[in-house]
Amino acid sequence: MKRKLLISERYILKRILGSAKDRDGTWKIKKNDHELNNLIRNKNIISCIQAQRLIRFGHVHRVTINDRTVKKLCEWKRISTRITGRPKIRWGKVIKECLTIMNQC
């Protein structure tokens, strides 16, 4: 899924930033990934999504009132057995992965 997002982001950026006018008045086609990275300063959609997740986690974590629905849902643990098949991806697990990725950078 991440790879598909990165590919579609590159495609859209190349369409938006596809051509530019040089100082001498000629048009230049920007198809080089290095030029695109310089323009967007090595930021991509995946890092933006991860940053938003961590911001949202910070808001939920700082809530001091335990009666809030969001806080209850985040701290809820399943008592019964789970449904057979592939386990669902939990928000807490995704947050832990984002934190490990951010710590490695």
N, C-alpha and C. Protein backbone atom coordinates (compact mmCIF):
# COMPACT_ATOMS: atom_id res chain seq x y z
N MET A 1 0.82 -1.19 0.00
CA MET A 1 0.00 0.00 0.00
C MET A 1 0.86 1.26 0.00
N LYS A 2 1.95 1.23 0.79
CA LYS A 2 2.82 2.40 0.85
C LYS A 2 3.48 2.66 -0.49
N ARG A 3 3.87 1.57 -1.16
CA ARG A 3 4.52 1.71 -2.46
C ARG A 3 3.57 2.33 -3.49
N LYS A 4 2.30 1.92 -3.45
CA LYS A 4 1.32 2.47 -4.38
C LYS A 4 1.09 3.96 -4.12
N LEU A 5 1.08 4.34 -2.84
CA LEU A 5 0.93 5.76 -2.51
C LEU A 5 2.10 6.58 -3.01
N LEU A 6 3.31 6.05 -2.83
CA LEU A 6 4.50 6.77 -3.30
C LEU A 6 4.53 6.89 -4.82
N ILE A 7 4.12 5.83 -5.50
CA ILE A 7 4.09 5.87 -6.97
C ILE A 7 3.09 6.89 -7.46
N SER A 8 1.89 6.88 -6.87
CA SER A 8 0.87 7.84 -7.32
C SER A 8 1.26 9.27 -6.96
N GLU A 9 1.95 9.45 -5.84
CA GLU A 9 2.41 10.79 -5.48
C GLU A 9 3.44 11.30 -6.49
N ARG A 10 4.38 10.44 -6.89
CA ARG A 10 5.37 10.81 -7.89
C ARG A 10 4.71 11.17 -9.21
N TYR A 11 3.71 10.39 -9.59
CA TYR A 11 3.01 10.64 -10.84
C TYR A 11 2.33 12.00 -10.81
N ILE A 12 1.66 12.31 -9.71
CA ILE A 12 0.96 13.59 -9.59
C ILE A 12 1.95 14.75 -9.57
N LEU A 13 3.06 14.58 -8.83
CA LEU A 13 4.06 15.65 -8.77
C LEU A 13 4.68 15.91 -10.14
N LYS A 14 4.93 14.84 -10.88
CA LYS A 14 5.49 15.04 -12.23
C LYS A 14 4.51 15.74 -13.15
N ARG A 15 3.21 15.49 -12.96
CA ARG A 15 2.21 16.18 -13.77
C ARG A 15 2.10 17.66 -13.37
N ILE A 16 2.13 17.93 -12.07
CA ILE A 16 2.00 19.31 -11.60
C ILE A 16 3.26 20.10 -11.90
N LEU A 17 4.41 19.55 -11.56
CA LEU A 17 5.68 20.25 -11.71
C LEU A 17 6.41 19.81 -12.98
N GLY A 18 5.67 19.40 -13.98
CA GLY A 18 6.23 18.79 -15.16
C GLY A 18 7.14 19.65 -15.99
N SER A 19 6.84 20.90 -16.13
CA SER A 19 7.68 21.73 -16.98
C SER A 19 7.94 23.07 -16.30
N ALA A 20 9.07 23.65 -16.65
CA ALA A 20 9.46 24.93 -16.06
C ALA A 20 10.19 25.76 -17.10
N LYS A 21 10.11 27.04 -16.94
CA LYS A 21 10.77 27.95 -17.86
C LYS A 21 12.12 28.34 -17.30
N ASP A 22 13.17 28.16 -18.09
CA ASP A 22 14.52 28.53 -17.66
C ASP A 22 14.71 30.04 -17.76
N ARG A 23 15.87 30.49 -17.31
CA ARG A 23 16.17 31.93 -17.34
C ARG A 23 16.28 32.47 -18.76
N ASP A 24 16.73 31.60 -19.67
CA ASP A 24 16.88 32.05 -21.06
C ASP A 24 15.57 31.99 -21.84
N GLY A 25 14.49 31.56 -21.21
CA GLY A 25 13.19 31.55 -21.86
C GLY A 25 12.79 30.22 -22.46
N THR A 26 13.65 29.23 -22.39
CA THR A 26 13.31 27.92 -22.93
C THR A 26 12.59 27.09 -21.87
N TRP A 27 11.78 26.16 -22.34
CA TRP A 27 11.05 25.29 -21.44
C TRP A 27 11.84 24.03 -21.18
N LYS A 28 11.86 23.59 -19.94
CA LYS A 28 12.60 22.41 -19.53
C LYS A 28 11.61 21.43 -18.89
N ILE A 29 11.73 20.16 -19.24
CA ILE A 29 10.87 19.13 -18.66
C ILE A 29 11.58 18.54 -17.46
N LYS A 30 10.91 18.57 -16.31
CA LYS A 30 11.50 18.02 -15.07
C LYS A 30 11.03 16.58 -14.93
N LYS A 31 11.84 15.66 -15.32
CA LYS A 31 11.50 14.26 -15.16
C LYS A 31 12.48 13.55 -14.24
N ASN A 32 13.44 14.27 -13.76
CA ASN A 32 14.46 13.69 -12.91
C ASN A 32 13.94 13.63 -11.46
N ASP A 33 14.07 12.48 -10.83
CA ASP A 33 13.62 12.33 -9.45
C ASP A 33 14.44 13.19 -8.50
N HIS A 34 15.70 13.41 -8.84
CA HIS A 34 16.56 14.25 -8.00
C HIS A 34 16.02 15.68 -7.94
N GLU A 35 15.58 16.21 -9.07
CA GLU A 35 15.01 17.56 -9.10
C GLU A 35 13.72 17.64 -8.30
N LEU A 36 12.88 16.60 -8.42
CA LEU A 36 11.64 16.58 -7.64
C LEU A 36 11.93 16.52 -6.15
N ASN A 37 12.92 15.72 -5.74
CA ASN A 37 13.28 15.64 -4.33
C ASN A 37 13.77 16.98 -3.80
N ASN A 38 14.51 17.71 -4.62
CA ASN A 38 14.97 19.03 -4.21
C ASN A 38 13.80 20.01 -4.06
N LEU A 39 12.81 19.89 -4.93
CA LEU A 39 11.66 20.79 -4.85
C LEU A 39 10.78 20.51 -3.63
N ILE A 40 10.57 19.25 -3.33
CA ILE A 40 9.69 18.92 -2.21
C ILE A 40 10.48 18.67 -0.92
N ARG A 41 11.78 18.85 -0.97
CA ARG A 41 12.68 18.72 0.18
C ARG A 41 12.57 17.35 0.85
N ASN A 42 12.57 16.31 0.03
CA ASN A 42 12.56 14.91 0.47
C ASN A 42 11.38 14.54 1.37
N LYS A 43 10.30 15.30 1.31
CA LYS A 43 9.09 14.95 2.06
C LYS A 43 8.19 14.14 1.14
N ASN A 44 7.48 13.19 1.70
CA ASN A 44 6.53 12.43 0.90
C ASN A 44 5.24 12.24 1.68
N ILE A 45 4.27 11.64 1.05
CA ILE A 45 2.95 11.50 1.64
C ILE A 45 2.98 10.54 2.83
N ILE A 46 3.85 9.54 2.81
CA ILE A 46 3.92 8.58 3.90
C ILE A 46 4.38 9.27 5.18
N SER A 47 5.40 10.12 5.09
CA SER A 47 5.89 10.81 6.29
C SER A 47 4.85 11.79 6.83
N CYS A 48 4.07 12.41 5.93
CA CYS A 48 2.99 13.30 6.38
C CYS A 48 1.91 12.53 7.12
N ILE A 49 1.54 11.36 6.61
CA ILE A 49 0.52 10.54 7.26
C ILE A 49 1.02 10.07 8.62
N GLN A 50 2.28 9.65 8.71
CA GLN A 50 2.83 9.20 9.98
C GLN A 50 2.88 10.34 11.00
N ALA A 51 3.23 11.52 10.55
CA ALA A 51 3.27 12.67 11.45
C ALA A 51 1.87 12.99 11.97
N GLN A 52 0.86 12.93 11.10
CA GLN A 52 -0.51 13.19 11.54
C GLN A 52 -0.99 12.14 12.53
N ARG A 53 -0.61 10.88 12.32
CA ARG A 53 -0.97 9.82 13.28
C ARG A 53 -0.37 10.10 14.64
N LEU A 54 0.90 10.51 14.66
CA LEU A 54 1.56 10.77 15.94
C LEU A 54 0.97 12.00 16.63
N ILE A 55 0.56 13.00 15.86
CA ILE A 55 -0.10 14.17 16.44
C ILE A 55 -1.42 13.76 17.07
N ARG A 56 -2.19 12.95 16.35
CA ARG A 56 -3.48 12.47 16.87
C ARG A 56 -3.27 11.62 18.13
N PHE A 57 -2.25 10.77 18.12
CA PHE A 57 -1.93 9.96 19.30
C PHE A 57 -1.59 10.85 20.48
N GLY A 58 -0.84 11.91 20.26
CA GLY A 58 -0.50 12.83 21.33
C GLY A 58 -1.72 13.47 21.94
N HIS A 59 -2.68 13.86 21.11
CA HIS A 59 -3.92 14.46 21.61
C HIS A 59 -4.69 13.46 22.47
N VAL A 60 -4.81 12.23 22.00
CA VAL A 60 -5.55 11.21 22.74
C VAL A 60 -4.83 10.85 24.03
N HIS A 61 -3.52 10.78 23.97
CA HIS A 61 -2.73 10.39 25.14
C HIS A 61 -2.80 11.45 26.25
N ARG A 62 -2.90 12.72 25.87
CA ARG A 62 -2.93 13.80 26.85
C ARG A 62 -4.29 14.00 27.50
N VAL A 63 -5.33 13.37 26.98
CA VAL A 63 -6.66 13.53 27.57
C VAL A 63 -6.63 12.97 28.99
N THR A 64 -6.98 13.81 29.95
CA THR A 64 -6.93 13.38 31.35
C THR A 64 -8.25 12.79 31.82
N ILE A 65 -9.33 13.13 31.16
CA ILE A 65 -10.64 12.62 31.56
C ILE A 65 -10.82 11.24 30.93
N ASN A 66 -11.03 10.22 31.75
CA ASN A 66 -11.17 8.87 31.25
C ASN A 66 -12.56 8.57 30.71
N ASP A 67 -13.49 9.52 30.84
CA ASP A 67 -14.84 9.31 30.34
C ASP A 67 -14.96 9.60 28.84
N ARG A 68 -13.93 10.15 28.25
CA ARG A 68 -13.98 10.46 26.82
C ARG A 68 -14.05 9.19 25.99
N THR A 69 -14.89 9.19 24.98
CA THR A 69 -15.10 8.01 24.15
C THR A 69 -13.83 7.59 23.42
N VAL A 70 -13.09 8.56 22.92
CA VAL A 70 -11.86 8.25 22.18
C VAL A 70 -10.85 7.55 23.09
N LYS A 71 -10.71 8.04 24.30
CA LYS A 71 -9.77 7.44 25.26
C LYS A 71 -10.21 6.02 25.61
N LYS A 72 -11.52 5.82 25.79
CA LYS A 72 -12.03 4.48 26.10
C LYS A 72 -11.75 3.51 24.96
N LEU A 73 -11.96 3.96 23.73
CA LEU A 73 -11.74 3.09 22.58
C LEU A 73 -10.27 2.74 22.40
N CYS A 74 -9.39 3.66 22.71
CA CYS A 74 -7.96 3.38 22.55
C CYS A 74 -7.44 2.44 23.62
N GLU A 75 -8.01 2.49 24.80
CA GLU A 75 -7.54 1.64 25.89
C GLU A 75 -8.32 0.34 26.00
N TRP A 76 -9.31 0.13 25.16
CA TRP A 76 -10.17 -1.05 25.23
C TRP A 76 -9.42 -2.31 24.83
N LYS A 77 -9.60 -3.37 25.61
CA LYS A 77 -9.00 -4.67 25.30
C LYS A 77 -10.12 -5.68 25.10
N ARG A 78 -9.97 -6.50 24.09
CA ARG A 78 -10.97 -7.52 23.80
C ARG A 78 -10.90 -8.64 24.82
N ILE A 79 -12.06 -9.04 25.36
CA ILE A 79 -12.11 -10.09 26.37
C ILE A 79 -12.34 -11.45 25.71
N SER A 80 -13.21 -11.49 24.74
CA SER A 80 -13.55 -12.76 24.10
C SER A 80 -12.51 -13.14 23.05
N THR A 81 -12.70 -14.32 22.45
CA THR A 81 -11.78 -14.76 21.41
C THR A 81 -12.00 -13.97 20.14
N ARG A 82 -10.97 -13.85 19.36
CA ARG A 82 -11.07 -13.06 18.14
C ARG A 82 -11.66 -13.89 17.00
N ILE A 83 -12.05 -13.22 15.96
CA ILE A 83 -12.60 -13.87 14.77
C ILE A 83 -11.47 -14.59 14.05
N THR A 84 -11.78 -15.74 13.45
CA THR A 84 -10.75 -16.48 12.72
C THR A 84 -10.33 -15.72 11.48
N GLY A 85 -9.14 -15.98 11.04
CA GLY A 85 -8.61 -15.31 9.86
C GLY A 85 -7.45 -14.40 10.22
N ARG A 86 -7.10 -13.56 9.29
CA ARG A 86 -5.99 -12.64 9.50
C ARG A 86 -6.35 -11.61 10.56
N PRO A 87 -5.46 -11.35 11.52
CA PRO A 87 -5.75 -10.35 12.55
C PRO A 87 -5.88 -8.95 11.96
N LYS A 88 -6.76 -8.18 12.52
CA LYS A 88 -6.95 -6.80 12.08
C LYS A 88 -5.75 -5.96 12.50
N ILE A 89 -5.45 -4.95 11.72
CA ILE A 89 -4.36 -4.04 12.06
C ILE A 89 -4.89 -3.06 13.09
N ARG A 90 -4.25 -3.02 14.23
CA ARG A 90 -4.65 -2.16 15.32
C ARG A 90 -3.92 -0.83 15.25
N TRP A 91 -4.61 0.22 15.73
CA TRP A 91 -4.06 1.56 15.69
C TRP A 91 -2.81 1.66 16.57
N GLY A 92 -2.82 0.99 17.71
CA GLY A 92 -1.67 1.02 18.62
C GLY A 92 -0.43 0.41 17.99
N LYS A 93 -0.62 -0.66 17.23
CA LYS A 93 0.51 -1.30 16.56
C LYS A 93 1.09 -0.38 15.48
N VAL A 94 0.22 0.31 14.77
CA VAL A 94 0.68 1.25 13.73
C VAL A 94 1.44 2.40 14.37
N ILE A 95 0.97 2.88 15.52
CA ILE A 95 1.65 3.97 16.22
C ILE A 95 3.04 3.51 16.68
N LYS A 96 3.15 2.31 17.19
CA LYS A 96 4.45 1.78 17.61
C LYS A 96 5.41 1.69 16.43
N GLU A 97 4.90 1.26 15.28
CA GLU A 97 5.76 1.20 14.08
C GLU A 97 6.21 2.59 13.67
N CYS A 98 5.31 3.57 13.72
CA CYS A 98 5.67 4.95 13.37
C CYS A 98 6.74 5.49 14.31
N LEU A 99 6.59 5.19 15.60
CA LEU A 99 7.57 5.66 16.58
C LEU A 99 8.94 5.03 16.34
N THR A 100 8.97 3.73 16.01
CA THR A 100 10.27 3.10 15.75
C THR A 100 10.91 3.67 14.50
N ILE A 101 10.10 3.96 13.48
CA ILE A 101 10.64 4.56 12.25
C ILE A 101 11.18 5.95 12.53
N MET A 102 10.45 6.75 13.32
CA MET A 102 10.89 8.11 13.65
C MET A 102 12.15 8.08 14.50
N ASN A 103 12.29 7.10 15.40
CA ASN A 103 13.48 6.99 16.24
C ASN A 103 14.72 6.59 15.43
N GLN A 104 14.52 5.86 14.34
CA GLN A 104 15.64 5.45 13.51
C GLN A 104 16.19 6.59 12.68
N CYS A 105 15.37 7.57 12.37
CA CYS A 105 15.81 8.69 11.53
C CYS A 105 16.70 9.65 12.28
